[in-house]
Protein backbone atom coordinates (compact mmCIF):
# COMPACT_ATOMS: atom_id res chain seq x y z
CA UNK A 1 113.01 113.93 74.44
CA UNK A 2 111.44 111.21 76.60
CA UNK A 3 108.73 113.60 77.81
CA UNK A 4 107.66 114.30 74.21
CA UNK A 5 107.58 110.61 73.34
CA UNK A 6 105.45 109.74 76.35
CA UNK A 7 103.15 112.68 75.64
CA UNK A 8 102.56 111.52 72.06
CA UNK A 9 101.87 107.92 73.18
CA UNK A 10 99.32 109.17 75.72
CA UNK A 11 97.71 111.45 73.11
CA UNK A 12 97.30 108.54 70.67
CA UNK A 13 95.78 106.40 73.44
CA UNK A 14 93.34 109.20 74.38
CA UNK A 15 92.40 109.69 70.71
CA UNK A 16 91.65 105.96 70.40
CA UNK A 17 89.52 105.99 73.58
CA UNK A 18 91.78 103.63 75.47
CA UNK A 19 91.18 105.50 78.73
CA UNK A 20 87.38 105.77 78.38
CA UNK A 21 86.54 102.59 80.28
CA UNK A 22 88.87 102.93 83.29
CA UNK A 23 87.20 101.84 86.53
CA UNK A 24 88.16 105.01 88.41
CA UNK A 25 87.58 107.44 85.55
CA UNK A 26 86.51 110.85 86.78
CA UNK A 27 87.55 110.20 90.38
CA UNK A 28 90.45 112.00 92.05
CA UNK A 29 93.58 109.94 92.53
CA UNK A 30 94.23 109.09 96.20
CA UNK A 31 97.96 109.61 96.76
CA UNK A 32 97.84 109.22 100.55
CA UNK A 33 99.65 105.87 100.64
CA UNK A 34 102.11 106.95 97.95
CA UNK A 35 103.04 110.17 99.71
CA UNK A 36 103.16 108.34 103.05
CA UNK A 37 105.85 106.03 101.65
CA UNK A 38 109.47 107.11 102.05
CA UNK A 39 110.74 108.52 98.76
CA UNK A 40 113.57 105.99 98.40
CA UNK A 41 111.06 103.10 98.52
CA UNK A 42 108.28 104.44 96.28
CA UNK A 43 109.49 102.88 93.02
CA UNK A 44 110.13 99.47 94.58
CA UNK A 45 106.76 99.49 96.35
CA UNK A 46 104.97 100.54 93.15
CA UNK A 47 106.54 97.63 91.29
CA UNK A 48 105.54 95.20 94.03
CA UNK A 49 102.00 96.62 94.10
CA UNK A 50 101.66 96.21 90.33
CA UNK A 51 102.80 92.60 90.74
CA UNK A 52 100.04 92.02 93.31
CA UNK A 53 102.39 92.01 96.30
CA UNK A 54 102.06 94.39 99.22
CA UNK A 55 105.15 95.02 101.36
CA UNK A 56 104.68 94.84 105.12
CA UNK A 57 105.64 98.51 105.40
CA UNK A 58 102.69 99.48 103.20
CA UNK A 59 100.33 97.34 105.22
CA UNK A 60 101.55 99.05 108.39
CA UNK A 61 101.09 102.51 106.84
CA UNK A 62 97.56 101.64 105.70
CA UNK A 63 96.62 100.29 109.12
CA UNK A 64 97.97 103.42 110.81
CA UNK A 65 95.96 105.63 108.46
CA UNK A 66 92.79 103.60 109.05
CA UNK A 67 93.20 103.81 112.82
CA UNK A 68 93.84 107.56 112.64
CA UNK A 69 90.63 107.97 110.65
CA UNK A 70 88.76 105.80 113.17
CA UNK A 71 90.08 107.95 116.02
CA UNK A 72 88.69 111.08 114.36
CA UNK A 73 85.28 109.50 113.93
CA UNK A 74 84.76 107.80 117.30
CA UNK A 75 83.25 109.46 120.33
CA UNK A 76 84.45 106.74 122.70
CA UNK A 77 87.41 107.84 124.79
CA UNK A 78 88.19 104.20 125.53
CA UNK A 79 88.31 103.35 121.80
CA UNK A 80 90.49 106.39 121.08
CA UNK A 81 92.99 105.29 123.74
CA UNK A 82 93.03 101.76 122.33
CA UNK A 83 93.53 103.11 118.80
CA UNK A 84 96.32 105.42 119.96
CA UNK A 85 98.13 102.55 121.68
CA UNK A 86 97.85 100.45 118.52
CA UNK A 87 99.05 103.35 116.35
CA UNK A 88 102.11 103.79 118.57
CA UNK A 89 102.86 100.07 118.31
CA UNK A 90 102.50 100.16 114.52
CA UNK A 91 104.73 103.24 114.27
CA UNK A 92 107.37 101.41 116.28
CA UNK A 93 107.13 98.36 114.01
CA UNK A 94 107.34 100.60 110.94
CA UNK A 95 110.34 102.49 112.32
CA UNK A 96 112.17 99.23 113.02
CA UNK A 97 111.43 97.96 109.49
CA UNK A 98 112.49 101.25 107.92
CA UNK A 99 115.69 101.38 109.98
CA UNK A 100 116.59 97.92 108.70
CA UNK A 101 115.87 99.04 105.15
CA UNK A 102 118.07 102.14 105.57
CA UNK A 103 120.98 100.06 106.82
CA UNK A 104 120.70 97.53 103.99
CA UNK A 105 120.60 100.34 101.43
CA UNK A 106 123.97 101.76 102.47
């Protein structure tokens, strides 16, 4: 029932051209951050994002992803070691934050 209602609303919007001027029209959707977020936090994080707020956990995930990309692109062994050390530190911070979230959710 809900699926049909949503589908008809989207169809009316498409027919009226309401999606024609979207800034990312025609580009693939990047779901990296979304899929990198634990499932139990996705809805809450999406709401915060839409409100213009970014949770610390998302910032940590983004920084980890950026450093991983940098590691792939750099030829400097020294820079790779520095990036790896930072990634490990960020993973630890993220794990601590997520562990606290898991305990509060029980």
